[in-house]
Amino acid sequence: ERHAPNHSRYTDQIGDEIYRLGQKALNITDGSRPSYQRMIDALCKQLG
């Protein structure tokens, strides 16, 4: 809300949101952070 469209000012929050959505997509409920490779694999699998 404060910085858009200066997205480079809040990249940590963008990354946090990517991981949060990755946890949901991978059904991770223990609060662990999925690896980048695991998130890419899951995304590519969904895209075929």
All heavy atoms as atom14 arrays in JSON, in Angstrom:
{
  "sequence": "ERHAPNHSRYTDQIGDEIYRLGQKALNITDGSRPSYQRMIDALCKQLG",
  "atom14_mask": [
    [1, 1, 1, 1, 1, 1, 1, 1, 1, 0, 0, 0, 0, 0],
    [1, 1, 1, 1, 1, 1, 1, 1, 1, 1, 1, 0, 0, 0],
    [1, 1, 1, 1, 1, 1, 1, 1, 1, 1, 0, 0, 0, 0],
    [1, 1, 1, 1, 1, 0, 0, 0, 0, 0, 0, 0, 0, 0],
    [1, 1, 1, 1, 1, 1, 1, 0, 0, 0, 0, 0, 0, 0],
    [1, 1, 1, 1, 1, 1, 1, 1, 0, 0, 0, 0, 0, 0],
    [1, 1, 1, 1, 1, 1, 1, 1, 1, 1, 0, 0, 0, 0],
    [1, 1, 1, 1, 1, 1, 0, 0, 0, 0, 0, 0, 0, 0],
    [1, 1, 1, 1, 1, 1, 1, 1, 1, 1, 1, 0, 0, 0],
    [1, 1, 1, 1, 1, 1, 1, 1, 1, 1, 1, 1, 0, 0],
    [1, 1, 1, 1, 1, 1, 1, 0, 0, 0, 0, 0, 0, 0],
    [1, 1, 1, 1, 1, 1, 1, 1, 0, 0, 0, 0, 0, 0],
    [1, 1, 1, 1, 1, 1, 1, 1, 1, 0, 0, 0, 0, 0],
    [1, 1, 1, 1, 1, 1, 1, 1, 0, 0, 0, 0, 0, 0],
    [1, 1, 1, 1, 0, 0, 0, 0, 0, 0, 0, 0, 0, 0],
    [1, 1, 1, 1, 1, 1, 1, 1, 0, 0, 0, 0, 0, 0],
    [1, 1, 1, 1, 1, 1, 1, 1, 1, 0, 0, 0, 0, 0],
    [1, 1, 1, 1, 1, 1, 1, 1, 0, 0, 0, 0, 0, 0],
    [1, 1, 1, 1, 1, 1, 1, 1, 1, 1, 1, 1, 0, 0],
    [1, 1, 1, 1, 1, 1, 1, 1, 1, 1, 1, 0, 0, 0],
    [1, 1, 1, 1, 1, 1, 1, 1, 0, 0, 0, 0, 0, 0],
    [1, 1, 1, 1, 0, 0, 0, 0, 0, 0, 0, 0, 0, 0],
    [1, 1, 1, 1, 1, 1, 1, 1, 1, 0, 0, 0, 0, 0],
    [1, 1, 1, 1, 1, 1, 1, 1, 1, 0, 0, 0, 0, 0],
    [1, 1, 1, 1, 1, 0, 0, 0, 0, 0, 0, 0, 0, 0],
    [1, 1, 1, 1, 1, 1, 1, 1, 0, 0, 0, 0, 0, 0],
    [1, 1, 1, 1, 1, 1, 1, 1, 0, 0, 0, 0, 0, 0],
    [1, 1, 1, 1, 1, 1, 1, 1, 0, 0, 0, 0, 0, 0],
    [1, 1, 1, 1, 1, 1, 1, 0, 0, 0, 0, 0, 0, 0],
    [1, 1, 1, 1, 1, 1, 1, 1, 0, 0, 0, 0, 0, 0],
    [1, 1, 1, 1, 0, 0, 0, 0, 0, 0, 0, 0, 0, 0],
    [1, 1, 1, 1, 1, 1, 0, 0, 0, 0, 0, 0, 0, 0],
    [1, 1, 1, 1, 1, 1, 1, 1, 1, 1, 1, 0, 0, 0],
    [1, 1, 1, 1, 1, 1, 1, 0, 0, 0, 0, 0, 0, 0],
    [1, 1, 1, 1, 1, 1, 0, 0, 0, 0, 0, 0, 0, 0],
    [1, 1, 1, 1, 1, 1, 1, 1, 1, 1, 1, 1, 0, 0],
    [1, 1, 1, 1, 1, 1, 1, 1, 1, 0, 0, 0, 0, 0],
    [1, 1, 1, 1, 1, 1, 1, 1, 1, 1, 1, 0, 0, 0],
    [1, 1, 1, 1, 1, 1, 1, 1, 0, 0, 0, 0, 0, 0],
    [1, 1, 1, 1, 1, 1, 1, 1, 0, 0, 0, 0, 0, 0],
    [1, 1, 1, 1, 1, 1, 1, 1, 0, 0, 0, 0, 0, 0],
    [1, 1, 1, 1, 1, 0, 0, 0, 0, 0, 0, 0, 0, 0],
    [1, 1, 1, 1, 1, 1, 1, 1, 0, 0, 0, 0, 0, 0],
    [1, 1, 1, 1, 1, 1, 0, 0, 0, 0, 0, 0, 0, 0],
    [1, 1, 1, 1, 1, 1, 1, 1, 1, 0, 0, 0, 0, 0],
    [1, 1, 1, 1, 1, 1, 1, 1, 1, 0, 0, 0, 0, 0],
    [1, 1, 1, 1, 1, 1, 1, 1, 0, 0, 0, 0, 0, 0],
    [1, 1, 1, 1, 0, 0, 0, 0, 0, 0, 0, 0, 0, 0]
  ],
  "atom14_positions": [
    [[0.82, -1.21, 0.0], [0.0, 0.0, 0.0], [0.86, 1.26, 0.0], [0.5, 2.25, -0.63], [-0.93, 0.01, 1.21], [-2.01, -1.06, 1.15], [-2.83, -1.15, 2.44], [-2.38, -0.63, 3.49], [-3.91, -1.75, 2.39], [0.0, 0.0, 0.0], [0.0, 0.0, 0.0], [0.0, 0.0, 0.0], [0.0, 0.0, 0.0], [0.0, 0.0, 0.0]],
    [[1.99, 1.23, 0.69], [2.84, 2.42, 0.8], [3.75, 2.62, -0.39], [4.05, 3.76, -0.75], [3.7, 2.31, 2.06], [2.89, 2.42, 3.34], [3.74, 2.28, 4.56], [4.59, 3.48, 4.65], [5.59, 3.59, 5.49], [5.9, 2.61, 6.29], [6.3, 4.69, 5.52], [0.0, 0.0, 0.0], [0.0, 0.0, 0.0], [0.0, 0.0, 0.0]],
    [[4.22, 1.54, -1.01], [5.3, 1.68, -1.99], [4.94, 1.35, -3.44], [5.69, 1.73, -4.34], [6.5, 0.85, -1.57], [7.05, 1.24, -0.24], [7.58, 2.49, 0.01], [7.14, 0.56, 0.92], [7.99, 2.55, 1.27], [7.73, 1.39, 1.85], [0.0, 0.0, 0.0], [0.0, 0.0, 0.0], [0.0, 0.0, 0.0], [0.0, 0.0, 0.0]],
    [[3.87, 0.62, -3.7], [3.52, 0.29, -5.1], [3.33, 1.59, -5.86], [2.75, 2.53, -5.32], [2.27, -0.57, -5.15], [0.0, 0.0, 0.0], [0.0, 0.0, 0.0], [0.0, 0.0, 0.0], [0.0, 0.0, 0.0], [0.0, 0.0, 0.0], [0.0, 0.0, 0.0], [0.0, 0.0, 0.0], [0.0, 0.0, 0.0], [0.0, 0.0, 0.0]],
    [[3.83, 1.73, -7.04], [4.46, 0.74, -7.93], [5.98, 0.63, -7.79], [6.63, 0.07, -8.66], [4.09, 1.25, -9.32], [4.14, 2.74, -9.17], [3.62, 3.0, -7.76], [0.0, 0.0, 0.0], [0.0, 0.0, 0.0], [0.0, 0.0, 0.0], [0.0, 0.0, 0.0], [0.0, 0.0, 0.0], [0.0, 0.0, 0.0], [0.0, 0.0, 0.0]],
    [[6.54, 1.12, -6.7], [7.99, 0.97, -6.46], [8.23, -0.37, -5.77], [8.61, -0.44, -4.6], [8.5, 2.13, -5.6], [8.31, 3.47, -6.27], [8.48, 3.59, -7.48], [7.93, 4.47, -5.51], [0.0, 0.0, 0.0], [0.0, 0.0, 0.0], [0.0, 0.0, 0.0], [0.0, 0.0, 0.0], [0.0, 0.0, 0.0], [0.0, 0.0, 0.0]],
    [[8.01, -1.44, -6.52], [8.02, -2.8, -5.98], [9.37, -3.2, -5.39], [9.42, -4.03, -4.48], [7.6, -3.8, -7.05], [6.32, -3.44, -7.73], [5.13, -3.27, -7.05], [6.04, -3.19, -9.03], [4.17, -2.95, -7.9], [4.7, -2.89, -9.12], [0.0, 0.0, 0.0], [0.0, 0.0, 0.0], [0.0, 0.0, 0.0], [0.0, 0.0, 0.0]],
    [[10.45, -2.62, -5.88], [11.78, -2.98, -5.37], [11.96, -2.53, -3.91], [12.91, -2.95, -3.26], [12.87, -2.38, -6.25], [12.76, -0.97, -6.3], [0.0, 0.0, 0.0], [0.0, 0.0, 0.0], [0.0, 0.0, 0.0], [0.0, 0.0, 0.0], [0.0, 0.0, 0.0], [0.0, 0.0, 0.0], [0.0, 0.0, 0.0], [0.0, 0.0, 0.0]],
    [[11.05, -1.75, -3.39], [11.14, -1.28, -2.0], [10.56, -2.28, -1.0], [10.71, -2.1, 0.21], [10.43, 0.07, -1.85], [11.15, 1.12, -2.71], [10.91, 2.5, -2.34], [11.16, 2.78, -0.93], [10.76, 3.88, -0.34], [10.1, 4.79, -1.03], [11.01, 4.08, 0.92], [0.0, 0.0, 0.0], [0.0, 0.0, 0.0], [0.0, 0.0, 0.0]],
    [[9.89, -3.33, -1.5], [9.31, -4.31, -0.57], [9.46, -5.74, -1.09], [8.56, -6.56, -0.99], [7.84, -3.97, -0.27], [6.91, -3.94, -1.46], [6.1, -5.03, -1.76], [6.82, -2.82, -2.28], [5.25, -5.01, -2.85], [5.98, -2.79, -3.37], [5.19, -3.89, -3.65], [4.35, -3.87, -4.73], [0.0, 0.0, 0.0], [0.0, 0.0, 0.0]],
    [[10.65, -6.05, -1.59], [10.88, -7.39, -2.15], [10.79, -8.5, -1.1], [10.4, -9.61, -1.44], [12.24, -7.46, -2.88], [13.28, -7.07, -1.98], [12.25, -6.56, -4.11], [0.0, 0.0, 0.0], [0.0, 0.0, 0.0], [0.0, 0.0, 0.0], [0.0, 0.0, 0.0], [0.0, 0.0, 0.0], [0.0, 0.0, 0.0], [0.0, 0.0, 0.0]],
    [[11.12, -8.21, 0.14], [10.99, -9.25, 1.18], [9.53, -9.67, 1.33], [9.23, -10.86, 1.47], [11.52, -8.77, 2.53], [13.04, -8.83, 2.61], [13.68, -9.36, 1.67], [13.58, -8.35, 3.62], [0.0, 0.0, 0.0], [0.0, 0.0, 0.0], [0.0, 0.0, 0.0], [0.0, 0.0, 0.0], [0.0, 0.0, 0.0], [0.0, 0.0, 0.0]],
    [[8.62, -8.72, 1.29], [7.2, -9.05, 1.42], [6.7, -9.82, 0.19], [5.87, -10.72, 0.32], [6.35, -7.79, 1.63], [6.52, -7.16, 2.99], [7.75, -6.27, 3.1], [8.49, -6.03, 2.15], [8.0, -5.77, 4.3], [0.0, 0.0, 0.0], [0.0, 0.0, 0.0], [0.0, 0.0, 0.0], [0.0, 0.0, 0.0], [0.0, 0.0, 0.0]],
    [[7.22, -9.48, -0.98], [6.87, -10.23, -2.19], [7.35, -11.68, -2.05], [6.61, -12.62, -2.32], [7.46, -9.57, -3.46], [6.85, -8.18, -3.66], [7.24, -10.45, -4.69], [7.58, -7.33, -4.71], [0.0, 0.0, 0.0], [0.0, 0.0, 0.0], [0.0, 0.0, 0.0], [0.0, 0.0, 0.0], [0.0, 0.0, 0.0], [0.0, 0.0, 0.0]],
    [[8.58, -11.84, -1.59], [9.12, -13.19, -1.37], [8.34, -13.96, -0.32], [8.05, -15.15, -0.49], [0.0, 0.0, 0.0], [0.0, 0.0, 0.0], [0.0, 0.0, 0.0], [0.0, 0.0, 0.0], [0.0, 0.0, 0.0], [0.0, 0.0, 0.0], [0.0, 0.0, 0.0], [0.0, 0.0, 0.0], [0.0, 0.0, 0.0], [0.0, 0.0, 0.0]],
    [[7.98, -13.28, 0.76], [7.17, -13.94, 1.8], [5.85, -14.44, 1.23], [5.39, -15.53, 1.56], [6.9, -12.97, 2.95], [8.14, -12.59, 3.75], [9.18, -13.26, 3.6], [8.05, -11.61, 4.52], [0.0, 0.0, 0.0], [0.0, 0.0, 0.0], [0.0, 0.0, 0.0], [0.0, 0.0, 0.0], [0.0, 0.0, 0.0], [0.0, 0.0, 0.0]],
    [[5.23, -13.62, 0.37], [3.95, -14.01, -0.21], [4.12, -15.19, -1.17], [3.28, -16.09, -1.19], [3.31, -12.82, -0.94], [1.95, -13.12, -1.52], [0.87, -13.42, -0.48], [1.16, -13.5, 0.73], [-0.29, -13.58, -0.89], [0.0, 0.0, 0.0], [0.0, 0.0, 0.0], [0.0, 0.0, 0.0], [0.0, 0.0, 0.0], [0.0, 0.0, 0.0]],
    [[5.2, -15.21, -1.92], [5.47, -16.35, -2.81], [5.61, -17.62, -1.97], [5.02, -18.65, -2.3], [6.73, -16.09, -3.66], [6.44, -14.99, -4.68], [7.19, -17.37, -4.34], [7.67, -14.46, -5.38], [0.0, 0.0, 0.0], [0.0, 0.0, 0.0], [0.0, 0.0, 0.0], [0.0, 0.0, 0.0], [0.0, 0.0, 0.0], [0.0, 0.0, 0.0]],
    [[6.36, -17.55, -0.89], [6.51, -18.73, -0.02], [5.2, -19.11, 0.65], [4.87, -20.29, 0.76], [7.6, -18.5, 1.03], [8.97, -18.79, 0.49], [9.92, -17.79, 0.38], [9.32, -20.07, 0.09], [11.18, -18.06, -0.13], [10.58, -20.35, -0.42], [11.5, -19.34, -0.52], [12.74, -19.61, -1.02], [0.0, 0.0, 0.0], [0.0, 0.0, 0.0]],
    [[4.42, -18.13, 1.08], [3.14, -18.43, 1.73], [2.22, -19.16, 0.76], [1.61, -20.18, 1.11], [2.48, -17.14, 2.22], [1.29, -17.37, 3.16], [0.61, -16.05, 3.5], [-0.12, -15.51, 2.37], [-1.29, -15.98, 1.93], [-1.85, -17.0, 2.53], [-1.9, -15.43, 0.91], [0.0, 0.0, 0.0], [0.0, 0.0, 0.0], [0.0, 0.0, 0.0]],
    [[2.15, -18.67, -0.48], [1.32, -19.34, -1.48], [1.89, -20.7, -1.86], [1.14, -21.65, -2.12], [1.14, -18.45, -2.71], [0.33, -17.18, -2.46], [0.39, -16.26, -3.68], [-1.11, -17.5, -2.09], [0.0, 0.0, 0.0], [0.0, 0.0, 0.0], [0.0, 0.0, 0.0], [0.0, 0.0, 0.0], [0.0, 0.0, 0.0], [0.0, 0.0, 0.0]],
    [[3.22, -20.8, -1.87], [3.88, -22.09, -2.13], [3.54, -23.11, -1.06], [3.29, -24.28, -1.35], [0.0, 0.0, 0.0], [0.0, 0.0, 0.0], [0.0, 0.0, 0.0], [0.0, 0.0, 0.0], [0.0, 0.0, 0.0], [0.0, 0.0, 0.0], [0.0, 0.0, 0.0], [0.0, 0.0, 0.0], [0.0, 0.0, 0.0], [0.0, 0.0, 0.0]],
    [[3.51, -22.68, 0.2], [3.13, -23.57, 1.29], [1.71, -24.08, 1.1], [1.43, -25.26, 1.3], [3.24, -22.87, 2.64], [4.65, -22.66, 3.1], [4.71, -21.83, 4.37], [3.94, -20.89, 4.54], [5.63, -22.17, 5.24], [0.0, 0.0, 0.0], [0.0, 0.0, 0.0], [0.0, 0.0, 0.0], [0.0, 0.0, 0.0], [0.0, 0.0, 0.0]],
    [[0.81, -23.18, 0.72], [-0.58, -23.58, 0.48], [-0.68, -24.58, -0.68], [-1.35, -25.58, -0.58], [-1.46, -22.37, 0.2], [-1.78, -21.53, 1.39], [-2.81, -20.48, 1.03], [-3.4, -19.83, 2.23], [-4.11, -20.68, 3.14], [0.0, 0.0, 0.0], [0.0, 0.0, 0.0], [0.0, 0.0, 0.0], [0.0, 0.0, 0.0], [0.0, 0.0, 0.0]],
    [[0.01, -24.27, -1.78], [-0.05, -25.12, -2.97], [0.53, -26.5, -2.71], [0.04, -27.5, -3.25], [0.67, -24.45, -4.14], [0.0, 0.0, 0.0], [0.0, 0.0, 0.0], [0.0, 0.0, 0.0], [0.0, 0.0, 0.0], [0.0, 0.0, 0.0], [0.0, 0.0, 0.0], [0.0, 0.0, 0.0], [0.0, 0.0, 0.0], [0.0, 0.0, 0.0]],
    [[1.56, -26.57, -1.89], [2.21, -27.83, -1.58], [1.63, -28.49, -0.34], [2.13, -29.53, 0.09], [3.72, -27.62, -1.42], [4.45, -27.18, -2.68], [5.86, -26.71, -2.35], [4.49, -28.31, -3.7], [0.0, 0.0, 0.0], [0.0, 0.0, 0.0], [0.0, 0.0, 0.0], [0.0, 0.0, 0.0], [0.0, 0.0, 0.0], [0.0, 0.0, 0.0]],
    [[0.61, -27.88, 0.23], [-0.05, -28.39, 1.43], [0.94, -28.6, 2.59], [0.92, -29.61, 3.27], [-0.8, -29.69, 1.12], [-1.84, -30.0, 2.17], [-2.36, -29.1, 2.83], [-2.15, -31.26, 2.35], [0.0, 0.0, 0.0], [0.0, 0.0, 0.0], [0.0, 0.0, 0.0], [0.0, 0.0, 0.0], [0.0, 0.0, 0.0], [0.0, 0.0, 0.0]],
    [[1.8, -27.61, 2.78], [2.77, -27.64, 3.88], [2.13, -26.96, 5.08], [1.77, -25.79, 5.02], [4.08, -26.93, 3.48], [4.73, -27.68, 2.33], [5.01, -26.81, 4.67], [5.94, -26.98, 1.75], [0.0, 0.0, 0.0], [0.0, 0.0, 0.0], [0.0, 0.0, 0.0], [0.0, 0.0, 0.0], [0.0, 0.0, 0.0], [0.0, 0.0, 0.0]],
    [[1.99, -27.71, 6.15], [1.3, -27.17, 7.32], [2.2, -27.02, 8.54], [1.75, -26.56, 9.58], [0.1, -28.07, 7.69], [0.59, -29.39, 7.96], [-0.92, -28.12, 6.58], [0.0, 0.0, 0.0], [0.0, 0.0, 0.0], [0.0, 0.0, 0.0], [0.0, 0.0, 0.0], [0.0, 0.0, 0.0], [0.0, 0.0, 0.0], [0.0, 0.0, 0.0]],
    [[3.48, -27.38, 8.4], [4.37, -27.3, 9.55], [5.14, -25.99, 9.64], [6.01, -25.82, 10.49], [5.34, -28.48, 9.56], [6.3, -28.47, 8.38], [6.21, -27.56, 7.52], [7.14, -29.39, 8.3], [0.0, 0.0, 0.0], [0.0, 0.0, 0.0], [0.0, 0.0, 0.0], [0.0, 0.0, 0.0], [0.0, 0.0, 0.0], [0.0, 0.0, 0.0]],
    [[4.84, -25.04, 8.73], [5.5, -23.74, 8.75], [6.86, -23.73, 8.1], [7.52, -22.7, 8.07], [0.0, 0.0, 0.0], [0.0, 0.0, 0.0], [0.0, 0.0, 0.0], [0.0, 0.0, 0.0], [0.0, 0.0, 0.0], [0.0, 0.0, 0.0], [0.0, 0.0, 0.0], [0.0, 0.0, 0.0], [0.0, 0.0, 0.0], [0.0, 0.0, 0.0]],
    [[7.3, -24.86, 7.54], [8.61, -24.89, 6.89], [8.55, -24.22, 5.53], [7.49, -24.13, 4.91], [9.09, -26.34, 6.74], [8.25, -27.05, 5.86], [0.0, 0.0, 0.0], [0.0, 0.0, 0.0], [0.0, 0.0, 0.0], [0.0, 0.0, 0.0], [0.0, 0.0, 0.0], [0.0, 0.0, 0.0], [0.0, 0.0, 0.0], [0.0, 0.0, 0.0]],
    [[9.67, -23.73, 5.1], [9.77, -23.03, 3.82], [10.15, -24.04, 2.75], [11.19, -24.68, 2.85], [10.84, -21.95, 3.92], [10.98, -21.13, 2.67], [12.02, -20.06, 2.85], [11.53, -19.15, 3.87], [12.22, -18.14, 4.36], [13.42, -17.9, 3.93], [11.72, -17.36, 5.28], [0.0, 0.0, 0.0], [0.0, 0.0, 0.0], [0.0, 0.0, 0.0]],
    [[9.33, -24.18, 1.71], [9.7, -25.11, 0.64], [10.91, -24.58, -0.12], [11.11, -23.37, -0.21], [8.45, -25.15, -0.25], [7.74, -23.87, 0.01], [8.06, -23.5, 1.43], [0.0, 0.0, 0.0], [0.0, 0.0, 0.0], [0.0, 0.0, 0.0], [0.0, 0.0, 0.0], [0.0, 0.0, 0.0], [0.0, 0.0, 0.0], [0.0, 0.0, 0.0]],
    [[11.7, -25.49, -0.66], [12.84, -25.04, -1.45], [12.36, -24.41, -2.75], [11.25, -24.68, -3.22], [13.76, -26.23, -1.78], [13.12, -27.09, -2.71], [0.0, 0.0, 0.0], [0.0, 0.0, 0.0], [0.0, 0.0, 0.0], [0.0, 0.0, 0.0], [0.0, 0.0, 0.0], [0.0, 0.0, 0.0], [0.0, 0.0, 0.0], [0.0, 0.0, 0.0]],
    [[13.18, -23.58, -3.31], [12.87, -22.94, -4.58], [12.62, -24.02, -5.63], [11.66, -23.96, -6.39], [14.04, -22.04, -4.98], [13.86, -21.29, -6.27], [12.94, -20.26, -6.37], [14.62, -21.6, -7.39], [12.78, -19.55, -7.54], [14.47, -20.89, -8.57], [13.55, -19.87, -8.64], [13.39, -19.18, -9.8], [0.0, 0.0, 0.0], [0.0, 0.0, 0.0]],
    [[13.49, -25.04, -5.66], [13.34, -26.13, -6.62], [12.01, -26.85, -6.44], [11.33, -27.16, -7.42], [14.5, -27.13, -6.48], [14.45, -28.26, -7.47], [14.66, -27.8, -8.9], [15.55, -27.0, -9.15], [13.85, -28.26, -9.82], [0.0, 0.0, 0.0], [0.0, 0.0, 0.0], [0.0, 0.0, 0.0], [0.0, 0.0, 0.0], [0.0, 0.0, 0.0]],
    [[11.62, -27.09, -5.21], [10.34, -27.78, -4.95], [9.16, -26.94, -5.43], [8.2, -27.47, -6.0], [10.22, -28.09, -3.46], [9.01, -28.93, -3.13], [9.04, -29.4, -1.7], [7.79, -30.08, -1.38], [7.33, -30.22, -0.17], [8.01, -29.78, 0.87], [6.19, -30.83, 0.04], [0.0, 0.0, 0.0], [0.0, 0.0, 0.0], [0.0, 0.0, 0.0]],
    [[9.22, -25.63, -5.22], [8.13, -24.76, -5.69], [8.08, -24.74, -7.22], [7.0, -24.82, -7.81], [8.28, -23.34, -5.15], [7.99, -23.23, -3.67], [7.83, -21.54, -3.05], [9.27, -20.73, -3.65], [0.0, 0.0, 0.0], [0.0, 0.0, 0.0], [0.0, 0.0, 0.0], [0.0, 0.0, 0.0], [0.0, 0.0, 0.0], [0.0, 0.0, 0.0]],
    [[9.24, -24.67, -7.87], [9.29, -24.67, -9.33], [8.78, -26.0, -9.87], [7.99, -26.04, -10.82], [10.72, -24.39, -9.85], [11.15, -22.97, -9.49], [10.82, -24.64, -11.35], [10.33, -21.88, -10.13], [0.0, 0.0, 0.0], [0.0, 0.0, 0.0], [0.0, 0.0, 0.0], [0.0, 0.0, 0.0], [0.0, 0.0, 0.0], [0.0, 0.0, 0.0]],
    [[9.19, -27.11, -9.25], [8.71, -28.43, -9.67], [7.19, -28.52, -9.57], [6.53, -29.02, -10.49], [9.35, -29.54, -8.82], [10.82, -29.74, -9.12], [11.31, -29.26, -10.17], [11.49, -30.39, -8.3], [0.0, 0.0, 0.0], [0.0, 0.0, 0.0], [0.0, 0.0, 0.0], [0.0, 0.0, 0.0], [0.0, 0.0, 0.0], [0.0, 0.0, 0.0]],
    [[6.63, -28.04, -8.46], [5.17, -28.1, -8.27], [4.46, -27.22, -9.3], [3.43, -27.63, -9.87], [4.81, -27.66, -6.86], [0.0, 0.0, 0.0], [0.0, 0.0, 0.0], [0.0, 0.0, 0.0], [0.0, 0.0, 0.0], [0.0, 0.0, 0.0], [0.0, 0.0, 0.0], [0.0, 0.0, 0.0], [0.0, 0.0, 0.0], [0.0, 0.0, 0.0]],
    [[4.99, -26.03, -9.55], [4.39, -25.14, -10.53], [4.43, -25.77, -11.93], [3.43, -25.78, -12.64], [5.11, -23.79, -10.54], [4.68, -22.8, -11.62], [3.21, -22.41, -11.44], [5.56, -21.57, -11.58], [0.0, 0.0, 0.0], [0.0, 0.0, 0.0], [0.0, 0.0, 0.0], [0.0, 0.0, 0.0], [0.0, 0.0, 0.0], [0.0, 0.0, 0.0]],
    [[5.59, -26.31, -12.29], [5.73, -26.93, -13.61], [4.81, -28.15, -13.74], [4.24, -28.38, -14.81], [7.18, -27.31, -13.88], [8.25, -25.89, -14.13], [0.0, 0.0, 0.0], [0.0, 0.0, 0.0], [0.0, 0.0, 0.0], [0.0, 0.0, 0.0], [0.0, 0.0, 0.0], [0.0, 0.0, 0.0], [0.0, 0.0, 0.0], [0.0, 0.0, 0.0]],
    [[4.67, -28.89, -12.66], [3.77, -30.05, -12.69], [2.33, -29.58, -12.94], [1.6, -30.18, -13.73], [3.86, -30.82, -11.37], [3.02, -32.07, -11.34], [3.2, -32.83, -10.04], [2.33, -34.06, -10.02], [2.47, -34.8, -8.77], [0.0, 0.0, 0.0], [0.0, 0.0, 0.0], [0.0, 0.0, 0.0], [0.0, 0.0, 0.0], [0.0, 0.0, 0.0]],
    [[1.92, -28.5, -12.27], [0.57, -27.97, -12.47], [0.38, -27.49, -13.91], [-0.7, -27.59, -14.47], [0.29, -26.81, -11.52], [0.04, -27.25, -10.09], [-0.27, -26.07, -9.19], [-0.02, -24.92, -9.52], [-0.84, -26.37, -8.03], [0.0, 0.0, 0.0], [0.0, 0.0, 0.0], [0.0, 0.0, 0.0], [0.0, 0.0, 0.0], [0.0, 0.0, 0.0]],
    [[1.46, -26.98, -14.51], [1.4, -26.48, -15.89], [1.63, -27.58, -16.92], [1.52, -27.34, -18.11], [2.42, -25.36, -16.1], [2.22, -24.1, -15.27], [3.38, -23.13, -15.49], [0.89, -23.44, -15.61], [0.0, 0.0, 0.0], [0.0, 0.0, 0.0], [0.0, 0.0, 0.0], [0.0, 0.0, 0.0], [0.0, 0.0, 0.0], [0.0, 0.0, 0.0]],
    [[2.0, -28.79, -16.46], [2.25, -29.9, -17.37], [3.58, -29.81, -18.08], [3.73, -30.35, -19.17], [0.0, 0.0, 0.0], [0.0, 0.0, 0.0], [0.0, 0.0, 0.0], [0.0, 0.0, 0.0], [0.0, 0.0, 0.0], [0.0, 0.0, 0.0], [0.0, 0.0, 0.0], [0.0, 0.0, 0.0], [0.0, 0.0, 0.0], [0.0, 0.0, 0.0]]
  ]
}
